Each structure stands twice: as structure tokens, then as C-alpha cells.
């Protein structure tokens, strides 16, 4: 049924988004589960597209190699790290994840020597995918709360 004055263009815009069978969420879940928690950096190489760009909260960008190094620094600073997905929403080529990480500070991180403290970090990430590869990441972290736990 068409409402008077409506056009097919408007109706087309209200269609449901194509269901991709949860595939984008599964790709991003591999990132949290296998790369961050299980510490399998080789999986990060599989997940990141060659032209990957990461955006940090300050607006700085990282390429694939720089992002790999950042994840390695996180692993080096926290001998144990468990990342829990709290919420996850996928639409078209983007997956938004609200997450909580708990880890033991066992080495230098953000200029702070190991404290042995168990700390919690929270954040929200938006991953943009092309097929089964992550091509872009925007990350918002609660670094102030993390640093307060370390100092």
C-alpha cells in the first residue's frame, strides 16, 4: 500500500538492511577473542586489510604495521588480558562494540612501570569491514580511568 504523496524512492529507503548472516560481527569477535585475549598476533595479520587505517581518540592515524605494534605494546604491558564484549551492533559494513578489558599490569605501559595491579579498561570501537577484512577502526578508550588505576 502506498501512502498518498509518497514516492517509491522513500519506500526504498525504509527497507530493512541486508542481513549478512552475522559475518561482520564474527570477524570483529575474532579480533577481541583471538587477537586481544588469546594474544594471537598472527590472526591480526589475517584480519587487517593491506590499506587498514586506525583512528585513535586524539585524531592520529595508524597504518597496519603501526597498529600491530600498538597491540604488541598492549600485550607487553599486560601479562594477562581478557576482553569481554558488552554490546555489539552491526549495520552494513560497520560493527560497533562496547567492551571491557581486565588485565594485570606486568611491564611498562604508557610510561608507567609495572605495578602488578589488576586494572580495567573500557572502550567503544567502530570497525569498518570489506568482506572478512577490517579496513578501518575508530577507537574511544577510557585512558584516564586506566591511568588512575596505574598511578
Protein backbone atom coordinates (compact mmCIF):
# COMPACT_ATOMS: atom_id res chain seq x y z
CA UNK A 1 0.00 0.00 0.00
CA UNK A 2 1.35 3.40 -0.98
CA UNK A 3 0.53 6.49 1.08
CA UNK A 4 -0.66 9.48 -0.91
CA UNK A 5 2.24 11.73 -1.84
CA UNK A 6 4.91 9.11 -1.09
CA UNK A 7 7.36 8.01 -3.70
CA UNK A 8 8.99 4.69 -4.38
CA UNK A 9 12.33 6.34 -3.53
CA UNK A 10 11.15 6.97 0.03
CA UNK A 11 9.80 3.44 0.34
CA UNK A 12 13.10 2.03 -0.88
CA UNK A 13 14.95 3.98 1.82
CA UNK A 14 12.87 2.33 4.54
CA UNK A 15 13.69 -1.25 3.59
CA UNK A 16 15.47 -3.45 6.06
CA UNK A 17 19.22 -3.60 5.72
CA UNK A 18 20.52 -6.74 4.07
CA UNK A 19 21.22 -9.49 6.59
CA UNK A 20 24.83 -10.58 6.21
CA UNK A 21 24.29 -13.58 8.48
CA UNK A 22 26.33 -12.13 11.32
CA UNK A 23 29.58 -12.43 9.35
CA UNK A 24 30.87 -8.90 10.16
CA UNK A 25 30.29 -9.48 13.87
CA UNK A 26 32.14 -12.79 13.73
CA UNK A 27 35.16 -11.11 12.12
CA UNK A 28 35.28 -8.45 14.85
CA UNK A 29 34.70 -11.04 17.58
CA UNK A 30 37.80 -12.87 16.32
CA UNK A 31 39.74 -9.65 16.90
CA UNK A 32 38.70 -9.41 20.56
CA UNK A 33 38.82 -13.13 21.34
CA UNK A 34 41.79 -14.39 19.33
CA UNK A 35 43.99 -11.30 18.95
CA UNK A 36 43.50 -9.39 22.19
CA UNK A 37 42.58 -12.10 24.70
CA UNK A 38 44.35 -15.17 23.23
CA UNK A 39 47.33 -12.99 22.16
CA UNK A 40 47.50 -14.45 18.63
CA UNK A 41 49.07 -11.59 16.71
CA UNK A 42 49.24 -13.69 13.54
CA UNK A 43 45.42 -13.53 13.42
CA UNK A 44 45.63 -9.74 13.38
CA UNK A 45 47.61 -10.10 10.15
CA UNK A 46 44.73 -12.11 8.68
CA UNK A 47 42.06 -9.66 9.82
CA UNK A 48 43.57 -6.31 8.80
CA UNK A 49 43.29 -5.25 5.18
CA UNK A 50 46.52 -4.11 3.49
CA UNK A 51 45.28 -0.49 3.46
CA UNK A 52 44.00 -0.57 7.08
CA UNK A 53 43.73 2.77 8.89
CA UNK A 54 43.24 3.06 12.64
CA UNK A 55 41.99 6.29 14.24
CA UNK A 56 42.85 6.89 17.89
CA UNK A 57 40.94 9.22 20.26
CA UNK A 58 43.33 12.12 19.56
CA UNK A 59 42.65 12.00 15.82
CA UNK A 60 46.00 10.44 14.96
CA UNK A 61 46.01 7.61 12.44
CA UNK A 62 47.96 4.36 12.26
CA UNK A 63 48.63 2.04 9.37
CA UNK A 64 48.58 -1.73 9.60
CA UNK A 65 52.17 -2.05 10.89
CA UNK A 66 51.76 0.71 13.47
CA UNK A 67 48.53 -0.83 14.73
CA UNK A 68 50.19 -4.24 15.02
CA UNK A 69 52.93 -2.59 17.12
CA UNK A 70 50.30 -0.91 19.33
CA UNK A 71 48.61 -4.25 20.05
CA UNK A 72 52.00 -5.79 20.82
CA UNK A 73 52.69 -2.95 23.33
CA UNK A 74 49.34 -3.64 24.98
CA UNK A 75 50.24 -7.32 25.30
CA UNK A 76 53.70 -6.46 26.61
CA UNK A 77 52.28 -4.12 29.26
CA UNK A 78 49.60 -6.52 30.46
CA UNK A 79 50.73 -10.10 31.02
CA UNK A 80 47.13 -11.18 31.27
CA UNK A 81 44.35 -9.53 29.35
CA UNK A 82 40.75 -10.64 28.98
CA UNK A 83 38.44 -8.62 26.76
CA UNK A 84 34.69 -9.06 27.16
CA UNK A 85 32.25 -7.82 24.53
CA UNK A 86 29.48 -6.00 26.39
CA UNK A 87 27.39 -4.90 23.40
CA UNK A 88 27.77 -5.26 19.67
CA UNK A 89 25.75 -3.77 16.84
CA UNK A 90 26.33 -4.33 13.13
CA UNK A 91 24.90 -2.37 10.24
CA UNK A 92 26.05 -2.64 6.64
CA UNK A 93 29.87 -2.60 6.68
CA UNK A 94 30.31 -1.38 10.28
CA UNK A 95 30.41 -3.12 13.63
CA UNK A 96 30.24 -1.11 16.85
CA UNK A 97 31.45 -2.82 20.01
CA UNK A 98 31.35 -1.66 23.63
CA UNK A 99 33.90 -3.70 25.56
CA UNK A 100 35.58 -4.14 28.93
CA UNK A 101 39.14 -5.42 29.36
CA UNK A 102 40.74 -6.64 32.57
CA UNK A 103 44.46 -7.22 32.81
CA UNK A 104 47.45 -7.43 35.11
CA UNK A 105 49.98 -4.63 34.61
CA UNK A 106 53.23 -6.62 34.36
CA UNK A 107 55.50 -4.36 32.29
CA UNK A 108 55.86 -0.77 31.09
CA UNK A 109 52.72 0.76 29.60
CA UNK A 110 52.04 4.42 28.76
CA UNK A 111 55.26 5.41 30.55
CA UNK A 112 54.30 3.63 33.76
CA UNK A 113 56.47 0.81 35.13
CA UNK A 114 54.81 -2.48 36.08
CA UNK A 115 52.62 -2.19 39.17
CA UNK A 116 51.29 -5.75 39.37
CA UNK A 117 47.80 -4.27 39.71
CA UNK A 118 44.75 -5.78 38.08
CA UNK A 119 43.14 -2.97 36.11
CA UNK A 120 40.05 -2.44 33.99
CA UNK A 121 39.84 -0.55 30.71
CA UNK A 122 36.64 0.21 28.80
CA UNK A 123 36.10 1.42 25.30
CA UNK A 124 33.94 1.62 22.23
CA UNK A 125 35.24 0.67 18.80
CA UNK A 126 33.76 1.03 15.35
CA UNK A 127 35.25 -1.34 12.78
CA UNK A 128 34.58 -0.90 9.05
CA UNK A 129 34.91 -4.08 7.05
CA UNK A 130 35.25 -5.06 3.43
CA UNK A 131 34.34 -8.72 3.24
CA UNK A 132 36.20 -10.51 6.03
CA UNK A 133 38.91 -7.84 6.47
CA UNK A 134 38.99 -4.81 8.76
CA UNK A 135 39.81 -1.71 6.71
CA UNK A 136 39.21 0.99 9.29
CA UNK A 137 38.92 1.34 13.07
CA UNK A 138 37.80 4.24 15.24
CA UNK A 139 38.59 3.70 18.90
CA UNK A 140 37.48 5.56 22.04
CA UNK A 141 39.20 4.44 25.24
CA UNK A 142 38.79 5.48 28.87
CA UNK A 143 42.52 6.05 29.32
CA UNK A 144 42.04 8.50 32.20
CA UNK A 145 40.48 5.78 34.36
CA UNK A 146 43.17 3.30 33.32
CA UNK A 147 45.97 5.70 34.23
CA UNK A 148 44.31 6.49 37.57
CA UNK A 149 44.43 2.74 38.35
CA UNK A 150 48.12 2.54 37.42
CA UNK A 151 49.32 5.61 39.34
